[in-house]
Amino acid sequence: MIREFCAENVEHVPAALAAGAGRVELCDNLACGGTTPSGGVIREAVGLCHSNNAQVMCMIRPRGGSFGYTGSEARIMVDDLAIAADLGVDGVVFGCLRDCGLDRELTSRLVGLARERGLLTTFHMAFDELAVGEALDAVDWLAELGMDRILTHGGPAGTPIEENLDRLRVYVERAAGRIKILPGGGITWENADTVASALGVDEVHGTRIVRLG
């Protein structure tokens, strides 16, 4: 099972890798849900992770707050994706919404650019702002687009992950192997195996997904 460690910077990355993290989602400003980290942070994280056979997924998000982006912010995301690719990341993480649904135009553009650079893609927890019916349609569309995974808590932020297992199972069933469902939010090194077993997934995500110290 791949344990994806959510890192706000590189401070805890060495310890996370030593504790068994197989992939790092790298971001800044976790207090607002994560934004794009600096180039220096990305470069250092890539060096640390690649020397330990682990991948780096870099957050592409120009600010906290809503997940609807202006044209200016979209251009920033395009530039940041290219910079992250140049610095050697394995993939990028983003989520774009518009009018209570997916921003299909911007999402398609970013996935296309990532694919040109050989990067993996994750649609992040912006997904959890979609209504259930819209979310199921989004699973289909993102799978057809070629996105690699969807990071989801399966419910409102702050709810116990155990309360969301039924909805997460629905997402896993809808994905049907076409796209990975990556559960996160409230998953720790203590309950990761139980959650993964309950959902039949082989990847889990969190800030405490491995035991540090």
N, C-alpha and C. Protein backbone atom coordinates (compact mmCIF):
# COMPACT_ATOMS: atom_id res chain seq x y z
N MET A 1 0.84 -1.19 0.00
CA MET A 1 0.00 0.00 0.00
C MET A 1 0.88 1.25 0.00
N ILE A 2 0.50 2.20 -0.84
CA ILE A 2 1.23 3.46 -0.90
C ILE A 2 0.65 4.43 0.13
N ARG A 3 1.50 4.91 1.01
CA ARG A 3 1.11 5.92 1.98
C ARG A 3 1.62 7.27 1.50
N GLU A 4 0.70 8.12 1.10
CA GLU A 4 1.06 9.45 0.60
C GLU A 4 1.05 10.43 1.76
N PHE A 5 2.22 10.99 2.06
CA PHE A 5 2.38 11.92 3.17
C PHE A 5 2.17 13.34 2.68
N CYS A 6 1.23 14.04 3.29
CA CYS A 6 0.96 15.43 2.93
C CYS A 6 1.91 16.33 3.71
N ALA A 7 2.80 17.02 3.00
CA ALA A 7 3.85 17.82 3.64
C ALA A 7 3.67 19.29 3.31
N GLU A 8 3.70 20.13 4.34
CA GLU A 8 3.58 21.57 4.14
C GLU A 8 4.89 22.18 3.68
N ASN A 9 5.99 21.53 3.98
CA ASN A 9 7.32 21.94 3.56
C ASN A 9 8.21 20.70 3.65
N VAL A 10 9.51 20.86 3.71
CA VAL A 10 10.37 19.68 3.74
C VAL A 10 10.77 19.27 5.16
N GLU A 11 10.29 20.00 6.17
CA GLU A 11 10.74 19.77 7.54
C GLU A 11 10.60 18.31 7.96
N HIS A 12 9.45 17.70 7.68
CA HIS A 12 9.19 16.34 8.15
C HIS A 12 9.34 15.29 7.05
N VAL A 13 9.75 15.71 5.88
CA VAL A 13 9.85 14.76 4.76
C VAL A 13 10.87 13.64 5.03
N PRO A 14 12.09 13.94 5.51
CA PRO A 14 13.03 12.84 5.78
C PRO A 14 12.47 11.81 6.76
N ALA A 15 11.84 12.28 7.83
CA ALA A 15 11.28 11.35 8.81
C ALA A 15 10.14 10.56 8.21
N ALA A 16 9.31 11.20 7.37
CA ALA A 16 8.19 10.50 6.74
C ALA A 16 8.68 9.41 5.81
N LEU A 17 9.71 9.71 5.05
CA LEU A 17 10.28 8.71 4.15
C LEU A 17 10.86 7.53 4.94
N ALA A 18 11.55 7.85 6.02
CA ALA A 18 12.12 6.79 6.86
C ALA A 18 11.04 5.93 7.49
N ALA A 19 9.86 6.54 7.72
CA ALA A 19 8.75 5.82 8.35
C ALA A 19 7.90 5.04 7.36
N GLY A 20 8.21 5.16 6.06
CA GLY A 20 7.52 4.34 5.08
C GLY A 20 6.66 5.06 4.08
N ALA A 21 6.69 6.39 4.03
CA ALA A 21 5.93 7.11 3.01
C ALA A 21 6.49 6.78 1.62
N GLY A 22 5.61 6.41 0.72
CA GLY A 22 6.05 6.07 -0.63
C GLY A 22 5.84 7.19 -1.61
N ARG A 23 5.12 8.21 -1.17
CA ARG A 23 4.86 9.37 -2.03
C ARG A 23 4.59 10.56 -1.12
N VAL A 24 4.96 11.75 -1.58
CA VAL A 24 4.74 12.98 -0.84
C VAL A 24 3.89 13.92 -1.67
N GLU A 25 2.81 14.40 -1.08
CA GLU A 25 2.09 15.53 -1.68
C GLU A 25 2.67 16.79 -1.05
N LEU A 26 3.30 17.60 -1.86
CA LEU A 26 4.03 18.77 -1.37
C LEU A 26 3.21 20.03 -1.60
N CYS A 27 3.06 20.82 -0.53
CA CYS A 27 2.31 22.07 -0.66
C CYS A 27 2.83 23.08 0.34
N ASP A 28 2.20 24.22 0.38
CA ASP A 28 2.45 25.26 1.37
C ASP A 28 1.09 25.61 1.98
N ASN A 29 1.08 26.30 3.10
CA ASN A 29 -0.15 26.87 3.67
C ASN A 29 -1.27 25.84 3.87
N LEU A 30 -0.97 24.80 4.61
CA LEU A 30 -1.99 23.78 4.88
C LEU A 30 -3.19 24.34 5.63
N ALA A 31 -3.00 25.43 6.37
CA ALA A 31 -4.11 26.01 7.11
C ALA A 31 -5.25 26.43 6.20
N CYS A 32 -4.95 26.73 4.94
CA CYS A 32 -6.00 27.09 3.98
C CYS A 32 -6.20 25.99 2.95
N GLY A 33 -5.75 24.78 3.26
CA GLY A 33 -5.96 23.65 2.37
C GLY A 33 -4.83 23.38 1.40
N GLY A 34 -3.77 24.19 1.46
CA GLY A 34 -2.61 23.94 0.62
C GLY A 34 -2.55 24.85 -0.60
N THR A 35 -1.36 25.40 -0.86
CA THR A 35 -1.10 26.20 -2.05
C THR A 35 0.23 25.74 -2.65
N THR A 36 0.59 26.31 -3.78
CA THR A 36 1.82 25.91 -4.46
C THR A 36 3.05 26.27 -3.63
N PRO A 37 3.95 25.31 -3.41
CA PRO A 37 5.17 25.60 -2.65
C PRO A 37 6.17 26.36 -3.51
N SER A 38 7.20 26.90 -2.86
CA SER A 38 8.23 27.64 -3.58
C SER A 38 9.11 26.70 -4.39
N GLY A 39 9.82 27.28 -5.35
CA GLY A 39 10.72 26.48 -6.17
C GLY A 39 11.80 25.82 -5.35
N GLY A 40 12.33 26.53 -4.36
CA GLY A 40 13.37 25.95 -3.52
C GLY A 40 12.87 24.75 -2.74
N VAL A 41 11.67 24.86 -2.21
CA VAL A 41 11.07 23.74 -1.47
C VAL A 41 10.85 22.55 -2.39
N ILE A 42 10.36 22.82 -3.59
CA ILE A 42 10.13 21.73 -4.55
C ILE A 42 11.44 21.03 -4.88
N ARG A 43 12.48 21.79 -5.19
CA ARG A 43 13.76 21.20 -5.56
C ARG A 43 14.31 20.31 -4.44
N GLU A 44 14.24 20.80 -3.21
CA GLU A 44 14.76 20.04 -2.08
C GLU A 44 13.94 18.77 -1.85
N ALA A 45 12.63 18.89 -1.94
CA ALA A 45 11.77 17.71 -1.73
C ALA A 45 12.01 16.65 -2.80
N VAL A 46 12.16 17.09 -4.03
CA VAL A 46 12.43 16.13 -5.11
C VAL A 46 13.73 15.39 -4.85
N GLY A 47 14.77 16.10 -4.44
CA GLY A 47 16.03 15.44 -4.14
C GLY A 47 15.91 14.43 -3.02
N LEU A 48 15.22 14.80 -1.95
CA LEU A 48 15.04 13.90 -0.81
C LEU A 48 14.23 12.67 -1.21
N CYS A 49 13.13 12.90 -1.91
CA CYS A 49 12.24 11.79 -2.24
C CYS A 49 12.84 10.85 -3.27
N HIS A 50 13.42 11.40 -4.31
CA HIS A 50 13.96 10.54 -5.36
C HIS A 50 15.14 9.71 -4.87
N SER A 51 15.89 10.24 -3.92
CA SER A 51 17.00 9.45 -3.36
C SER A 51 16.48 8.33 -2.46
N ASN A 52 15.19 8.36 -2.14
CA ASN A 52 14.57 7.31 -1.34
C ASN A 52 13.49 6.56 -2.13
N ASN A 53 13.56 6.66 -3.46
CA ASN A 53 12.62 5.94 -4.34
C ASN A 53 11.17 6.29 -4.06
N ALA A 54 10.91 7.52 -3.71
CA ALA A 54 9.56 8.00 -3.46
C ALA A 54 9.21 9.10 -4.45
N GLN A 55 7.92 9.25 -4.74
CA GLN A 55 7.45 10.25 -5.69
C GLN A 55 7.05 11.54 -5.00
N VAL A 56 7.03 12.62 -5.77
CA VAL A 56 6.58 13.93 -5.30
C VAL A 56 5.42 14.40 -6.17
N MET A 57 4.29 14.67 -5.53
CA MET A 57 3.14 15.28 -6.19
C MET A 57 3.04 16.72 -5.69
N CYS A 58 3.13 17.67 -6.58
CA CYS A 58 3.20 19.08 -6.19
C CYS A 58 1.84 19.76 -6.35
N MET A 59 1.40 20.44 -5.30
CA MET A 59 0.15 21.20 -5.35
C MET A 59 0.29 22.38 -6.30
N ILE A 60 -0.71 22.54 -7.17
CA ILE A 60 -0.79 23.70 -8.06
C ILE A 60 -2.06 24.46 -7.69
N ARG A 61 -1.90 25.44 -6.85
CA ARG A 61 -3.04 26.24 -6.37
C ARG A 61 -2.52 27.62 -5.99
N PRO A 62 -2.97 28.67 -6.65
CA PRO A 62 -2.37 29.99 -6.48
C PRO A 62 -2.76 30.72 -5.20
N ARG A 63 -3.81 30.23 -4.52
CA ARG A 63 -4.27 30.90 -3.30
C ARG A 63 -5.22 29.97 -2.56
N GLY A 64 -5.51 30.32 -1.31
CA GLY A 64 -6.53 29.60 -0.57
C GLY A 64 -7.91 30.09 -0.97
N GLY A 65 -8.93 29.58 -0.28
CA GLY A 65 -10.29 30.02 -0.59
C GLY A 65 -10.97 29.14 -1.60
N SER A 66 -11.81 29.73 -2.43
CA SER A 66 -12.61 28.96 -3.37
C SER A 66 -11.75 28.31 -4.44
N PHE A 67 -12.37 27.39 -5.18
CA PHE A 67 -11.64 26.66 -6.22
C PHE A 67 -12.04 27.11 -7.62
N GLY A 68 -12.68 28.29 -7.70
CA GLY A 68 -12.95 28.89 -8.99
C GLY A 68 -11.88 29.93 -9.27
N TYR A 69 -11.27 29.86 -10.44
CA TYR A 69 -10.10 30.69 -10.72
C TYR A 69 -10.33 31.66 -11.87
N THR A 70 -9.76 32.85 -11.73
CA THR A 70 -9.82 33.86 -12.79
C THR A 70 -8.85 33.49 -13.90
N GLY A 71 -8.93 34.23 -14.99
CA GLY A 71 -7.99 33.99 -16.08
C GLY A 71 -6.56 34.21 -15.65
N SER A 72 -6.33 35.24 -14.85
CA SER A 72 -4.99 35.52 -14.33
C SER A 72 -4.49 34.37 -13.48
N GLU A 73 -5.35 33.87 -12.59
CA GLU A 73 -4.95 32.76 -11.73
C GLU A 73 -4.70 31.49 -12.53
N ALA A 74 -5.49 31.28 -13.58
CA ALA A 74 -5.26 30.12 -14.44
C ALA A 74 -3.90 30.19 -15.10
N ARG A 75 -3.49 31.39 -15.52
CA ARG A 75 -2.17 31.54 -16.13
C ARG A 75 -1.07 31.26 -15.11
N ILE A 76 -1.29 31.67 -13.88
CA ILE A 76 -0.32 31.36 -12.82
C ILE A 76 -0.20 29.85 -12.64
N MET A 77 -1.32 29.15 -12.65
CA MET A 77 -1.30 27.69 -12.49
C MET A 77 -0.56 27.01 -13.62
N VAL A 78 -0.76 27.50 -14.83
CA VAL A 78 -0.04 26.95 -15.98
C VAL A 78 1.46 27.14 -15.81
N ASP A 79 1.87 28.35 -15.41
CA ASP A 79 3.29 28.63 -15.21
C ASP A 79 3.87 27.79 -14.07
N ASP A 80 3.12 27.68 -12.96
CA ASP A 80 3.61 26.91 -11.82
C ASP A 80 3.74 25.43 -12.15
N LEU A 81 2.82 24.93 -12.96
CA LEU A 81 2.93 23.53 -13.40
C LEU A 81 4.22 23.31 -14.18
N ALA A 82 4.52 24.23 -15.09
CA ALA A 82 5.74 24.10 -15.88
C ALA A 82 6.98 24.20 -15.02
N ILE A 83 6.97 25.09 -14.04
CA ILE A 83 8.12 25.23 -13.14
C ILE A 83 8.31 23.95 -12.33
N ALA A 84 7.21 23.41 -11.79
CA ALA A 84 7.30 22.17 -11.01
C ALA A 84 7.84 21.03 -11.87
N ALA A 85 7.39 20.96 -13.12
CA ALA A 85 7.89 19.92 -14.02
C ALA A 85 9.38 20.07 -14.26
N ASP A 86 9.83 21.30 -14.47
CA ASP A 86 11.26 21.55 -14.69
C ASP A 86 12.09 21.16 -13.47
N LEU A 87 11.49 21.26 -12.27
CA LEU A 87 12.20 20.94 -11.04
C LEU A 87 12.16 19.44 -10.72
N GLY A 88 11.49 18.67 -11.55
CA GLY A 88 11.58 17.21 -11.44
C GLY A 88 10.49 16.50 -10.68
N VAL A 89 9.34 17.16 -10.43
CA VAL A 89 8.28 16.46 -9.72
C VAL A 89 7.73 15.31 -10.56
N ASP A 90 7.08 14.38 -9.91
CA ASP A 90 6.49 13.24 -10.61
C ASP A 90 5.06 13.52 -11.04
N GLY A 91 4.42 14.47 -10.37
CA GLY A 91 3.04 14.76 -10.70
C GLY A 91 2.58 16.04 -10.07
N VAL A 92 1.36 16.45 -10.42
CA VAL A 92 0.78 17.68 -9.91
C VAL A 92 -0.62 17.41 -9.38
N VAL A 93 -1.03 18.28 -8.45
CA VAL A 93 -2.31 18.14 -7.76
C VAL A 93 -3.06 19.45 -7.89
N PHE A 94 -4.29 19.40 -8.39
CA PHE A 94 -5.08 20.61 -8.54
C PHE A 94 -6.56 20.25 -8.56
N GLY A 95 -7.40 21.26 -8.37
CA GLY A 95 -8.84 21.06 -8.44
C GLY A 95 -9.49 22.35 -8.86
N CYS A 96 -10.26 22.31 -9.93
CA CYS A 96 -10.84 23.52 -10.51
C CYS A 96 -12.35 23.37 -10.63
N LEU A 97 -13.09 24.30 -10.02
CA LEU A 97 -14.54 24.26 -10.04
C LEU A 97 -15.11 25.53 -10.67
N ARG A 98 -16.35 25.40 -11.13
CA ARG A 98 -17.06 26.57 -11.67
C ARG A 98 -18.56 26.28 -11.61
N ASP A 99 -19.32 27.23 -11.07
CA ASP A 99 -20.78 27.11 -11.04
C ASP A 99 -21.23 25.78 -10.42
N CYS A 100 -20.65 25.44 -9.28
CA CYS A 100 -21.02 24.23 -8.51
C CYS A 100 -20.67 22.93 -9.21
N GLY A 101 -19.87 23.00 -10.25
CA GLY A 101 -19.43 21.79 -10.95
C GLY A 101 -17.95 21.91 -11.31
N LEU A 102 -17.47 20.96 -12.08
CA LEU A 102 -16.09 21.01 -12.53
C LEU A 102 -15.88 22.17 -13.51
N ASP A 103 -14.71 22.78 -13.43
CA ASP A 103 -14.28 23.69 -14.48
C ASP A 103 -13.58 22.81 -15.51
N ARG A 104 -14.36 22.35 -16.46
CA ARG A 104 -13.83 21.35 -17.41
C ARG A 104 -12.78 21.94 -18.35
N GLU A 105 -12.95 23.20 -18.69
CA GLU A 105 -11.98 23.83 -19.60
C GLU A 105 -10.61 23.92 -18.96
N LEU A 106 -10.53 24.47 -17.75
CA LEU A 106 -9.23 24.62 -17.09
C LEU A 106 -8.66 23.27 -16.69
N THR A 107 -9.51 22.37 -16.22
CA THR A 107 -9.02 21.04 -15.85
C THR A 107 -8.43 20.34 -17.06
N SER A 108 -9.11 20.40 -18.19
CA SER A 108 -8.60 19.77 -19.42
C SER A 108 -7.27 20.37 -19.83
N ARG A 109 -7.17 21.68 -19.71
CA ARG A 109 -5.92 22.36 -20.09
C ARG A 109 -4.76 21.90 -19.21
N LEU A 110 -4.99 21.84 -17.90
CA LEU A 110 -3.91 21.45 -16.99
C LEU A 110 -3.54 19.99 -17.16
N VAL A 111 -4.51 19.13 -17.34
CA VAL A 111 -4.21 17.71 -17.56
C VAL A 111 -3.41 17.54 -18.85
N GLY A 112 -3.80 18.26 -19.89
CA GLY A 112 -3.08 18.17 -21.15
C GLY A 112 -1.63 18.61 -21.02
N LEU A 113 -1.41 19.72 -20.31
CA LEU A 113 -0.05 20.20 -20.10
C LEU A 113 0.76 19.22 -19.26
N ALA A 114 0.13 18.65 -18.24
CA ALA A 114 0.82 17.67 -17.40
C ALA A 114 1.20 16.44 -18.22
N ARG A 115 0.30 16.01 -19.05
CA ARG A 115 0.57 14.82 -19.87
C ARG A 115 1.74 15.09 -20.83
N GLU A 116 1.79 16.30 -21.38
CA GLU A 116 2.91 16.66 -22.27
C GLU A 116 4.25 16.56 -21.56
N ARG A 117 4.23 16.82 -20.25
CA ARG A 117 5.47 16.79 -19.47
C ARG A 117 5.68 15.45 -18.78
N GLY A 118 4.82 14.48 -19.03
CA GLY A 118 4.97 13.15 -18.44
C GLY A 118 4.63 13.10 -16.96
N LEU A 119 3.74 13.99 -16.50
CA LEU A 119 3.41 14.07 -15.09
C LEU A 119 2.12 13.33 -14.76
N LEU A 120 2.06 12.76 -13.58
CA LEU A 120 0.84 12.20 -13.04
C LEU A 120 -0.06 13.35 -12.59
N THR A 121 -1.36 13.09 -12.46
CA THR A 121 -2.30 14.13 -12.05
C THR A 121 -3.26 13.62 -10.98
N THR A 122 -3.52 14.48 -10.01
CA THR A 122 -4.51 14.20 -8.97
C THR A 122 -5.48 15.37 -8.87
N PHE A 123 -6.78 15.08 -8.88
CA PHE A 123 -7.78 16.11 -8.60
C PHE A 123 -7.98 16.12 -7.10
N HIS A 124 -7.72 17.25 -6.45
CA HIS A 124 -7.68 17.27 -4.99
C HIS A 124 -9.06 17.43 -4.36
N MET A 125 -9.09 17.74 -3.05
CA MET A 125 -10.33 17.69 -2.29
C MET A 125 -11.35 18.78 -2.64
N ALA A 126 -11.05 19.60 -3.63
CA ALA A 126 -12.12 20.43 -4.20
C ALA A 126 -13.27 19.53 -4.64
N PHE A 127 -12.94 18.29 -4.96
CA PHE A 127 -13.93 17.30 -5.37
C PHE A 127 -15.06 17.18 -4.34
N ASP A 128 -14.73 17.35 -3.07
CA ASP A 128 -15.73 17.15 -2.01
C ASP A 128 -16.74 18.29 -1.92
N GLU A 129 -16.58 19.33 -2.70
CA GLU A 129 -17.57 20.40 -2.75
C GLU A 129 -18.69 20.09 -3.75
N LEU A 130 -18.53 19.02 -4.51
CA LEU A 130 -19.54 18.63 -5.48
C LEU A 130 -20.67 17.86 -4.80
N ALA A 131 -21.90 18.07 -5.25
CA ALA A 131 -23.01 17.25 -4.79
C ALA A 131 -22.77 15.81 -5.24
N VAL A 132 -23.41 14.86 -4.56
CA VAL A 132 -23.12 13.44 -4.82
C VAL A 132 -23.32 13.08 -6.28
N GLY A 133 -24.45 13.49 -6.86
CA GLY A 133 -24.70 13.15 -8.26
C GLY A 133 -23.67 13.77 -9.19
N GLU A 134 -23.33 15.02 -8.94
CA GLU A 134 -22.31 15.70 -9.73
C GLU A 134 -20.96 15.03 -9.56
N ALA A 135 -20.68 14.56 -8.34
CA ALA A 135 -19.40 13.90 -8.07
C ALA A 135 -19.28 12.61 -8.86
N LEU A 136 -20.36 11.85 -8.97
CA LEU A 136 -20.31 10.60 -9.73
C LEU A 136 -20.08 10.88 -11.21
N ASP A 137 -20.73 11.90 -11.73
CA ASP A 137 -20.47 12.29 -13.12
C ASP A 137 -19.02 12.75 -13.28
N ALA A 138 -18.50 13.43 -12.26
CA ALA A 138 -17.13 13.91 -12.31
C ALA A 138 -16.14 12.75 -12.34
N VAL A 139 -16.43 11.69 -11.59
CA VAL A 139 -15.57 10.50 -11.63
C VAL A 139 -15.47 10.00 -13.07
N ASP A 140 -16.61 9.89 -13.75
CA ASP A 140 -16.62 9.42 -15.13
C ASP A 140 -15.81 10.34 -16.03
N TRP A 141 -16.06 11.63 -15.91
CA TRP A 141 -15.41 12.58 -16.82
C TRP A 141 -13.92 12.65 -16.58
N LEU A 142 -13.50 12.66 -15.32
CA LEU A 142 -12.06 12.73 -15.01
C LEU A 142 -11.35 11.45 -15.46
N ALA A 143 -12.03 10.32 -15.34
CA ALA A 143 -11.45 9.06 -15.82
C ALA A 143 -11.26 9.11 -17.33
N GLU A 144 -12.27 9.59 -18.04
CA GLU A 144 -12.19 9.68 -19.50
C GLU A 144 -11.11 10.68 -19.93
N LEU A 145 -10.93 11.72 -19.13
CA LEU A 145 -9.92 12.73 -19.44
C LEU A 145 -8.50 12.17 -19.29
N GLY A 146 -8.36 11.14 -18.46
CA GLY A 146 -7.05 10.55 -18.25
C GLY A 146 -6.38 10.97 -16.97
N MET A 147 -7.14 11.57 -16.06
CA MET A 147 -6.57 11.92 -14.76
C MET A 147 -6.26 10.63 -14.01
N ASP A 148 -5.22 10.65 -13.19
CA ASP A 148 -4.77 9.42 -12.55
C ASP A 148 -5.51 9.09 -11.26
N ARG A 149 -5.88 10.12 -10.47
CA ARG A 149 -6.55 9.83 -9.20
C ARG A 149 -7.36 11.02 -8.72
N ILE A 150 -8.28 10.71 -7.82
CA ILE A 150 -9.08 11.73 -7.15
C ILE A 150 -8.83 11.60 -5.65
N LEU A 151 -8.39 12.68 -5.04
CA LEU A 151 -8.21 12.73 -3.59
C LEU A 151 -9.52 13.21 -2.97
N THR A 152 -10.11 12.39 -2.09
CA THR A 152 -11.40 12.74 -1.53
C THR A 152 -11.56 12.24 -0.11
N HIS A 153 -12.25 13.04 0.69
CA HIS A 153 -12.60 12.67 2.06
C HIS A 153 -13.95 11.95 2.08
N GLY A 154 -14.69 12.08 1.00
CA GLY A 154 -15.98 11.41 0.93
C GLY A 154 -17.09 12.15 1.65
N GLY A 155 -16.82 13.34 2.15
CA GLY A 155 -17.82 14.11 2.89
C GLY A 155 -17.24 15.43 3.31
N PRO A 156 -18.01 16.22 4.08
CA PRO A 156 -17.53 17.54 4.50
C PRO A 156 -16.24 17.44 5.31
N ALA A 157 -15.39 18.44 5.17
CA ALA A 157 -14.15 18.48 5.93
C ALA A 157 -14.45 18.45 7.42
N GLY A 158 -13.65 17.70 8.14
CA GLY A 158 -13.81 17.62 9.59
C GLY A 158 -14.66 16.47 10.06
N THR A 159 -15.41 15.85 9.17
CA THR A 159 -16.19 14.67 9.56
C THR A 159 -15.26 13.48 9.70
N PRO A 160 -15.53 12.57 10.63
CA PRO A 160 -14.69 11.38 10.77
C PRO A 160 -14.71 10.55 9.49
N ILE A 161 -13.57 10.06 9.08
CA ILE A 161 -13.48 9.29 7.84
C ILE A 161 -14.41 8.08 7.90
N GLU A 162 -14.60 7.52 9.10
CA GLU A 162 -15.44 6.34 9.24
C GLU A 162 -16.89 6.62 8.84
N GLU A 163 -17.33 7.88 8.99
CA GLU A 163 -18.70 8.24 8.60
C GLU A 163 -18.87 8.34 7.09
N ASN A 164 -17.77 8.38 6.37
CA ASN A 164 -17.82 8.60 4.92
C ASN A 164 -17.48 7.36 4.10
N LEU A 165 -17.29 6.23 4.76
CA LEU A 165 -16.86 5.03 4.04
C LEU A 165 -17.89 4.58 3.00
N ASP A 166 -19.17 4.70 3.31
CA ASP A 166 -20.19 4.26 2.35
C ASP A 166 -20.11 5.07 1.06
N ARG A 167 -19.97 6.40 1.20
CA ARG A 167 -19.88 7.21 -0.01
C ARG A 167 -18.58 6.95 -0.74
N LEU A 168 -17.49 6.75 -0.02
CA LEU A 168 -16.22 6.45 -0.66
C LEU A 168 -16.30 5.13 -1.44
N ARG A 169 -17.02 4.16 -0.88
CA ARG A 169 -17.20 2.89 -1.61
C ARG A 169 -17.94 3.12 -2.92
N VAL A 170 -18.92 4.01 -2.89
CA VAL A 170 -19.65 4.33 -4.13
C VAL A 170 -18.71 4.92 -5.16
N TYR A 171 -17.81 5.81 -4.72
CA TYR A 171 -16.85 6.39 -5.64
C TYR A 171 -15.91 5.33 -6.21
N VAL A 172 -15.44 4.44 -5.33
CA VAL A 172 -14.54 3.37 -5.78
C VAL A 172 -15.23 2.48 -6.80
N GLU A 173 -16.49 2.15 -6.53
CA GLU A 173 -17.25 1.31 -7.46
C GLU A 173 -17.46 2.02 -8.79
N ARG A 174 -17.76 3.32 -8.73
CA ARG A 174 -17.98 4.08 -9.96
C ARG A 174 -16.69 4.19 -10.76
N ALA A 175 -15.57 4.35 -10.07
CA ALA A 175 -14.27 4.45 -10.75
C ALA A 175 -13.95 3.17 -11.50
N ALA A 176 -14.27 2.04 -10.91
CA ALA A 176 -14.13 0.73 -11.56
C ALA A 176 -12.74 0.53 -12.18
N GLY A 177 -11.71 1.01 -11.49
CA GLY A 177 -10.35 0.80 -11.96
C GLY A 177 -9.91 1.75 -13.05
N ARG A 178 -10.82 2.64 -13.51
CA ARG A 178 -10.45 3.58 -14.57
C ARG A 178 -9.63 4.74 -14.04
N ILE A 179 -9.83 5.07 -12.77
CA ILE A 179 -9.14 6.15 -12.08
C ILE A 179 -9.06 5.74 -10.62
N LYS A 180 -7.98 6.09 -9.95
CA LYS A 180 -7.84 5.71 -8.55
C LYS A 180 -8.59 6.68 -7.64
N ILE A 181 -9.25 6.14 -6.65
CA ILE A 181 -9.83 6.96 -5.59
C ILE A 181 -8.86 6.90 -4.42
N LEU A 182 -8.34 8.08 -4.04
CA LEU A 182 -7.36 8.20 -2.97
C LEU A 182 -8.04 8.81 -1.75
N PRO A 183 -8.38 8.01 -0.74
CA PRO A 183 -9.03 8.56 0.44
C PRO A 183 -8.05 9.34 1.31
N GLY A 184 -8.54 10.44 1.88
CA GLY A 184 -7.70 11.25 2.76
C GLY A 184 -8.55 12.07 3.71
N GLY A 185 -7.90 12.66 4.68
CA GLY A 185 -8.61 13.46 5.67
C GLY A 185 -9.06 12.60 6.83
N GLY A 186 -8.30 12.63 7.91
CA GLY A 186 -8.66 11.81 9.05
C GLY A 186 -8.11 10.40 9.00
N ILE A 187 -7.26 10.12 8.02
CA ILE A 187 -6.60 8.82 7.95
C ILE A 187 -5.20 8.98 8.53
N THR A 188 -4.86 8.13 9.47
CA THR A 188 -3.56 8.19 10.15
C THR A 188 -2.87 6.85 10.06
N TRP A 189 -1.65 6.80 10.58
CA TRP A 189 -0.93 5.53 10.61
C TRP A 189 -1.66 4.49 11.44
N GLU A 190 -2.55 4.95 12.31
CA GLU A 190 -3.27 4.01 13.18
C GLU A 190 -4.46 3.34 12.49
N ASN A 191 -5.15 4.07 11.61
CA ASN A 191 -6.34 3.49 10.98
C ASN A 191 -6.20 3.27 9.48
N ALA A 192 -5.03 3.54 8.91
CA ALA A 192 -4.84 3.46 7.46
C ALA A 192 -5.16 2.07 6.90
N ASP A 193 -4.65 1.04 7.54
CA ASP A 193 -4.89 -0.32 7.04
C ASP A 193 -6.38 -0.67 7.09
N THR A 194 -7.04 -0.27 8.15
CA THR A 194 -8.46 -0.56 8.30
C THR A 194 -9.28 0.14 7.22
N VAL A 195 -8.99 1.41 6.98
CA VAL A 195 -9.72 2.16 5.95
C VAL A 195 -9.46 1.58 4.57
N ALA A 196 -8.19 1.31 4.27
CA ALA A 196 -7.85 0.76 2.96
C ALA A 196 -8.54 -0.58 2.73
N SER A 197 -8.57 -1.41 3.74
CA SER A 197 -9.22 -2.72 3.63
C SER A 197 -10.72 -2.56 3.42
N ALA A 198 -11.33 -1.63 4.14
CA ALA A 198 -12.77 -1.42 4.03
C ALA A 198 -13.18 -0.94 2.64
N LEU A 199 -12.29 -0.19 1.99
CA LEU A 199 -12.59 0.39 0.68
C LEU A 199 -12.03 -0.42 -0.48
N GLY A 200 -11.08 -1.31 -0.19
CA GLY A 200 -10.44 -2.06 -1.26
C GLY A 200 -9.51 -1.21 -2.09
N VAL A 201 -8.83 -0.24 -1.45
CA VAL A 201 -7.89 0.62 -2.16
C VAL A 201 -6.47 0.29 -1.72
N ASP A 202 -5.50 0.72 -2.53
CA ASP A 202 -4.11 0.44 -2.20
C ASP A 202 -3.28 1.71 -2.03
N GLU A 203 -3.97 2.86 -1.85
CA GLU A 203 -3.31 4.13 -1.60
C GLU A 203 -4.11 4.89 -0.55
N VAL A 204 -3.42 5.55 0.38
CA VAL A 204 -4.07 6.39 1.39
C VAL A 204 -3.25 7.65 1.58
N HIS A 205 -3.90 8.71 2.08
CA HIS A 205 -3.28 10.04 2.12
C HIS A 205 -3.53 10.69 3.46
N GLY A 206 -2.53 11.44 3.95
CA GLY A 206 -2.75 12.21 5.17
C GLY A 206 -1.49 12.86 5.70
N THR A 207 -1.67 13.80 6.62
CA THR A 207 -0.52 14.45 7.27
C THR A 207 0.09 13.57 8.35
N ARG A 208 -0.67 12.55 8.77
CA ARG A 208 -0.19 11.63 9.82
C ARG A 208 -0.28 10.18 9.32
N ILE A 209 -0.06 10.01 8.03
CA ILE A 209 -0.24 8.70 7.42
C ILE A 209 0.85 7.72 7.79
N VAL A 210 2.00 8.24 8.25
CA VAL A 210 3.07 7.40 8.81
C VAL A 210 3.40 7.95 10.19
N ARG A 211 3.97 7.09 11.02
CA ARG A 211 4.27 7.48 12.39
C ARG A 211 5.63 8.18 12.43
N LEU A 212 5.59 9.45 12.82
CA LEU A 212 6.82 10.23 12.91
C LEU A 212 7.33 10.27 14.35
N GLY A 213 8.64 10.11 14.50
CA GLY A 213 9.24 10.24 15.82
C GLY A 213 8.91 9.11 16.79
